[in-house]
Amino acid sequence: MRDLGFSLLTSITLLSSYFNLETEFETFLEKYNDEFPDSEKLKTEIEFILNQIESLDFDEKSRVYKKNDLFTLIIELHRGQFKESKNTIIKN
């Protein structure tokens, strides 16, 4: 159940911005209860960001893999790459 909650929190934040948990969760769940037309687009963007993080080859004990830090890294990389179009592709 926690994985689902983390996925929902991440997806909603990517679609909007950082938010108060109570209000946005309900709004998005009601809006997309039956169908989610941007699912493939969001899936592609998330896969891109996760591949970028993986390419950095962080040590498995890195704090990057702590839930809160990973969440922030995903959101901020997504914001820079897709929302603000800064083309912040990470290069080794």
Protein backbone atom coordinates (compact mmCIF):
# COMPACT_ATOMS: atom_id res chain seq x y z
CA MET A 1 0.00 0.00 0.00
CA ARG A 2 2.87 2.36 0.72
CA ASP A 3 4.23 1.90 -2.81
CA LEU A 4 0.86 2.90 -4.23
CA GLY A 5 0.73 5.95 -1.95
CA PHE A 6 4.25 6.99 -2.98
CA SER A 7 3.37 6.52 -6.65
CA LEU A 8 0.20 8.57 -6.30
CA LEU A 9 1.96 11.31 -4.38
CA THR A 10 4.73 11.47 -6.97
CA SER A 11 2.35 11.43 -9.95
CA ILE A 12 0.07 14.12 -8.54
CA THR A 13 3.05 16.31 -7.64
CA LEU A 14 4.46 15.91 -11.16
CA LEU A 15 1.11 16.92 -12.64
CA SER A 16 0.68 19.91 -10.35
CA SER A 17 3.27 21.03 -7.82
CA TYR A 18 4.09 20.40 -4.17
CA PHE A 19 0.77 20.38 -2.33
CA ASN A 20 -1.20 19.84 0.86
CA LEU A 21 -1.88 16.12 0.87
CA GLU A 22 -5.55 16.26 1.80
CA THR A 23 -6.80 18.63 -0.87
CA GLU A 24 -4.97 17.59 -4.02
CA PHE A 25 -5.27 13.85 -3.49
CA GLU A 26 -9.05 14.04 -3.46
CA THR A 27 -9.18 16.44 -6.42
CA PHE A 28 -6.98 14.27 -8.64
CA LEU A 29 -8.57 10.99 -7.62
CA GLU A 30 -12.02 12.35 -8.44
CA LYS A 31 -10.87 13.89 -11.73
CA TYR A 32 -9.06 10.78 -12.96
CA ASN A 33 -11.16 8.08 -11.30
CA ASP A 34 -12.43 6.61 -14.57
CA GLU A 35 -9.64 7.41 -17.00
CA PHE A 36 -6.26 9.08 -17.15
CA PRO A 37 -5.60 10.33 -20.69
CA ASP A 38 -2.01 11.44 -20.03
CA SER A 39 -0.89 8.12 -18.57
CA GLU A 40 1.53 7.22 -21.38
CA LYS A 41 3.08 10.69 -21.40
CA LEU A 42 3.60 10.69 -17.64
CA LYS A 43 4.92 7.12 -17.72
CA THR A 44 7.48 8.06 -20.38
CA GLU A 45 8.59 11.13 -18.43
CA ILE A 46 8.95 9.17 -15.18
CA GLU A 47 10.92 6.42 -16.92
CA PHE A 48 13.22 9.06 -18.42
CA ILE A 49 13.87 10.64 -15.02
CA LEU A 50 14.44 7.27 -13.32
CA ASN A 51 16.86 6.26 -16.08
CA GLN A 52 18.75 9.51 -15.57
CA ILE A 53 19.00 8.87 -11.84
CA GLU A 54 20.11 5.30 -12.44
CA SER A 55 22.78 6.45 -14.91
CA LEU A 56 24.43 8.43 -12.10
CA ASP A 57 25.28 5.12 -10.44
CA PHE A 58 24.81 6.31 -6.86
CA ASP A 59 26.15 4.05 -4.15
CA GLU A 60 23.36 1.79 -2.90
CA LYS A 61 23.72 3.36 0.56
CA SER A 62 23.34 6.89 -0.79
CA ARG A 63 20.68 9.04 0.80
CA VAL A 64 19.28 9.47 -2.72
CA TYR A 65 17.46 6.21 -2.10
CA LYS A 66 15.74 7.41 1.04
CA LYS A 67 12.08 7.99 0.22
CA ASN A 68 11.95 11.75 0.86
CA ASP A 69 15.20 12.48 -0.95
CA LEU A 70 14.27 10.30 -3.92
CA PHE A 71 10.87 11.98 -4.10
CA THR A 72 12.44 15.46 -4.17
CA LEU A 73 15.04 14.42 -6.75
CA ILE A 74 12.38 12.98 -9.06
CA ILE A 75 10.17 16.06 -8.75
CA GLU A 76 12.96 18.59 -9.26
CA LEU A 77 14.54 16.76 -12.21
CA HIS A 78 11.12 16.44 -13.82
CA ARG A 79 10.42 20.12 -13.24
CA GLY A 80 13.71 21.13 -14.87
CA GLN A 81 13.42 18.71 -17.78
CA PHE A 82 9.75 18.85 -18.65
CA LYS A 83 7.98 21.72 -16.92
CA GLU A 84 10.54 24.49 -17.21
CA SER A 85 12.16 23.09 -20.36
CA LYS A 86 15.68 23.72 -19.15
CA ASN A 87 16.93 20.53 -20.78
CA THR A 88 18.70 19.47 -17.63
CA ILE A 89 19.65 16.08 -18.99
CA ILE A 90 22.23 14.60 -16.69
CA LYS A 91 25.47 13.57 -18.34
CA ASN A 92 28.17 11.41 -16.84
